[in-house]
């Protein structure tokens, strides 16, 4: 899987993950790997650690490793998450294209971030899955982990 992507610099978001070859819709792109931890309260977690957390449950995280940890957010992503830890193509992705996913599909706590993805459909804020509009949840249905879909309002 990792031969499908590489990490390189972007013009606006630091590092990002890019396709090294054409990727077909529903193809597994990468697996998020790293130690699994349970943290019931995120108070006091330093930013440099926080940015490596990848939710796999309400208070369960993977401390993600390269290359997956470098996958940037987009409000109009070309990839999503399957079976909790797999980055999967939501559409065909061309060689050289940046691979992105919507961080809201793995966010269950009160984390919020101003969005600067630049998409014409940018929501301006990245936040909890439950706060996503229903139309967006429906669009992401196949590309959202089951554990977070169970949290729907």
Protein backbone atom coordinates (compact mmCIF):
# COMPACT_ATOMS: atom_id res chain seq x y z
CA UNK A 1 0.00 0.00 0.00
CA UNK A 2 2.66 2.56 0.98
CA UNK A 3 4.09 2.40 -2.54
CA UNK A 4 0.94 4.26 -3.65
CA UNK A 5 1.89 7.43 -1.76
CA UNK A 6 4.82 9.59 -0.75
CA UNK A 7 5.23 12.56 1.58
CA UNK A 8 6.34 15.87 0.14
CA UNK A 9 5.91 19.57 0.77
CA UNK A 10 2.80 21.53 -0.14
CA UNK A 11 2.45 25.22 -0.89
CA UNK A 12 0.06 25.93 2.01
CA UNK A 13 -0.11 22.98 4.43
CA UNK A 14 3.46 21.94 5.20
CA UNK A 15 3.86 18.29 4.30
CA UNK A 16 1.21 16.24 2.56
CA UNK A 17 0.62 12.80 1.09
CA UNK A 18 0.66 12.47 -2.71
CA UNK A 19 -0.24 9.64 -5.07
CA UNK A 20 2.83 8.06 -6.69
CA UNK A 21 0.62 6.32 -9.25
CA UNK A 22 -3.02 6.37 -10.30
CA UNK A 23 -5.29 5.07 -7.53
CA UNK A 24 -8.70 3.59 -8.26
CA UNK A 25 -11.90 4.40 -6.37
CA UNK A 26 -12.25 2.17 -3.26
CA UNK A 27 -8.58 1.11 -3.37
CA UNK A 28 -6.84 1.00 0.01
CA UNK A 29 -4.17 3.70 -0.04
CA UNK A 30 -2.51 3.32 3.38
CA UNK A 31 -2.99 2.01 6.89
CA UNK A 32 -2.70 4.32 9.89
CA UNK A 33 -0.20 2.62 12.19
CA UNK A 34 1.28 3.33 15.59
CA UNK A 35 0.79 2.59 19.27
CA UNK A 36 -2.85 2.51 20.44
CA UNK A 37 -3.66 4.51 23.54
CA UNK A 38 -6.75 5.43 25.55
CA UNK A 39 -7.02 9.03 26.77
CA UNK A 40 -10.27 10.01 28.48
CA UNK A 41 -9.24 13.67 28.93
CA UNK A 42 -7.10 15.55 26.39
CA UNK A 43 -6.30 18.44 28.77
CA UNK A 44 -2.61 19.26 28.76
CA UNK A 45 -1.68 17.22 25.68
CA UNK A 46 1.05 19.19 23.81
CA UNK A 47 0.30 20.29 20.23
CA UNK A 48 3.22 18.32 18.80
CA UNK A 49 1.69 15.11 20.20
CA UNK A 50 -1.93 16.08 19.49
CA UNK A 51 -1.20 16.46 15.78
CA UNK A 52 -0.20 12.79 15.58
CA UNK A 53 -3.39 11.40 17.16
CA UNK A 54 -5.73 9.44 14.91
CA UNK A 55 -9.06 8.52 16.53
CA UNK A 56 -10.08 4.86 16.43
CA UNK A 57 -12.75 5.21 19.15
CA UNK A 58 -14.37 7.87 21.32
CA UNK A 59 -11.32 8.13 23.59
CA UNK A 60 -9.01 5.74 21.73
CA UNK A 61 -6.21 6.88 19.47
CA UNK A 62 -3.32 5.69 17.38
CA UNK A 63 -0.20 7.80 17.60
CA UNK A 64 0.08 7.79 13.82
CA UNK A 65 3.33 7.28 11.98
CA UNK A 66 4.57 8.27 8.53
CA UNK A 67 3.28 8.40 5.90
CA UNK A 68 -0.37 8.43 7.09
CA UNK A 69 0.15 11.12 9.73
CA UNK A 70 0.98 13.57 6.94
CA UNK A 71 -2.41 13.22 5.24
CA UNK A 72 -4.04 16.64 5.16
CA UNK A 73 -7.68 17.59 5.69
CA UNK A 74 -10.05 18.77 2.98
CA UNK A 75 -13.76 19.62 3.10
CA UNK A 76 -13.87 18.06 -0.40
CA UNK A 77 -11.64 15.01 0.12
CA UNK A 78 -10.66 12.33 -2.35
CA UNK A 79 -10.22 9.68 0.37
CA UNK A 80 -11.97 8.48 3.51
CA UNK A 81 -11.51 5.96 6.31
CA UNK A 82 -12.56 2.30 6.24
CA UNK A 83 -12.36 -0.31 9.00
CA UNK A 84 -11.04 2.31 11.45
CA UNK A 85 -7.46 2.50 10.13
CA UNK A 86 -7.43 2.32 6.33
CA UNK A 87 -7.22 5.34 4.06
CA UNK A 88 -9.37 4.47 1.04
CA UNK A 89 -9.99 6.32 -2.23
CA UNK A 90 -13.47 7.87 -2.48
CA UNK A 91 -12.89 8.48 -6.18
CA UNK A 92 -10.14 7.88 -8.71
CA UNK A 93 -6.99 9.79 -7.72
CA UNK A 94 -4.44 10.75 -10.36
CA UNK A 95 -0.71 10.25 -9.99
CA UNK A 96 0.77 13.39 -8.39
CA UNK A 97 -2.53 14.46 -6.77
CA UNK A 98 -2.56 15.23 -3.06
CA UNK A 99 -4.52 12.64 -1.04
CA UNK A 100 -6.80 14.17 1.61
CA UNK A 101 -9.58 13.13 3.95
CA UNK A 102 -12.08 15.04 6.08
CA UNK A 103 -10.77 14.98 9.67
CA UNK A 104 -14.35 15.24 10.95
CA UNK A 105 -14.95 11.55 10.09
CA UNK A 106 -12.65 10.61 12.98
CA UNK A 107 -13.36 13.46 15.40
CA UNK A 108 -15.57 12.68 18.39
CA UNK A 109 -14.28 15.09 21.04
CA UNK A 110 -14.49 18.88 21.28
CA UNK A 111 -11.49 19.47 19.01
CA UNK A 112 -12.01 22.31 16.55
CA UNK A 113 -9.71 23.93 14.04
CA UNK A 114 -10.08 26.77 11.56
CA UNK A 115 -10.11 25.16 8.12
CA UNK A 116 -7.85 26.50 5.42
CA UNK A 117 -8.31 23.73 2.86
CA UNK A 118 -9.20 26.19 0.10
CA UNK A 119 -12.01 24.07 -1.31
CA UNK A 120 -14.95 25.96 -2.85
CA UNK A 121 -17.16 24.02 -0.39
CA UNK A 122 -14.96 24.65 2.66
CA UNK A 123 -16.95 24.63 5.93
CA UNK A 124 -14.38 27.05 7.53
CA UNK A 125 -14.21 24.91 10.71
CA UNK A 126 -13.14 21.30 11.22
CA UNK A 127 -15.02 19.79 14.16
CA UNK A 128 -16.97 16.77 15.40
CA UNK A 129 -18.58 14.21 13.13
CA UNK A 130 -21.95 14.80 14.79
CA UNK A 131 -21.81 18.45 13.68
CA UNK A 132 -21.45 17.59 9.98
CA UNK A 133 -24.49 18.38 7.82
CA UNK A 134 -26.59 15.27 7.12
CA UNK A 135 -25.88 15.55 3.37
CA UNK A 136 -22.13 15.36 4.06
CA UNK A 137 -22.58 12.35 6.38
CA UNK A 138 -24.53 10.62 3.63
CA UNK A 139 -21.81 11.39 1.07
CA UNK A 140 -19.19 9.92 3.44
CA UNK A 141 -21.30 6.94 4.58
CA UNK A 142 -19.05 4.27 3.02
CA UNK A 143 -15.89 6.15 4.05
CA UNK A 144 -16.55 6.71 7.76
CA UNK A 145 -15.64 4.29 10.58
CA UNK A 146 -18.58 2.43 12.14
CA UNK A 147 -17.66 3.55 15.67
CA UNK A 148 -18.21 7.21 14.82
CA UNK A 149 -21.34 6.67 12.71
CA UNK A 150 -22.93 5.24 15.89
CA UNK A 151 -22.61 8.73 17.46
CA UNK A 152 -25.12 10.38 15.08
CA UNK A 153 -27.47 12.87 16.70
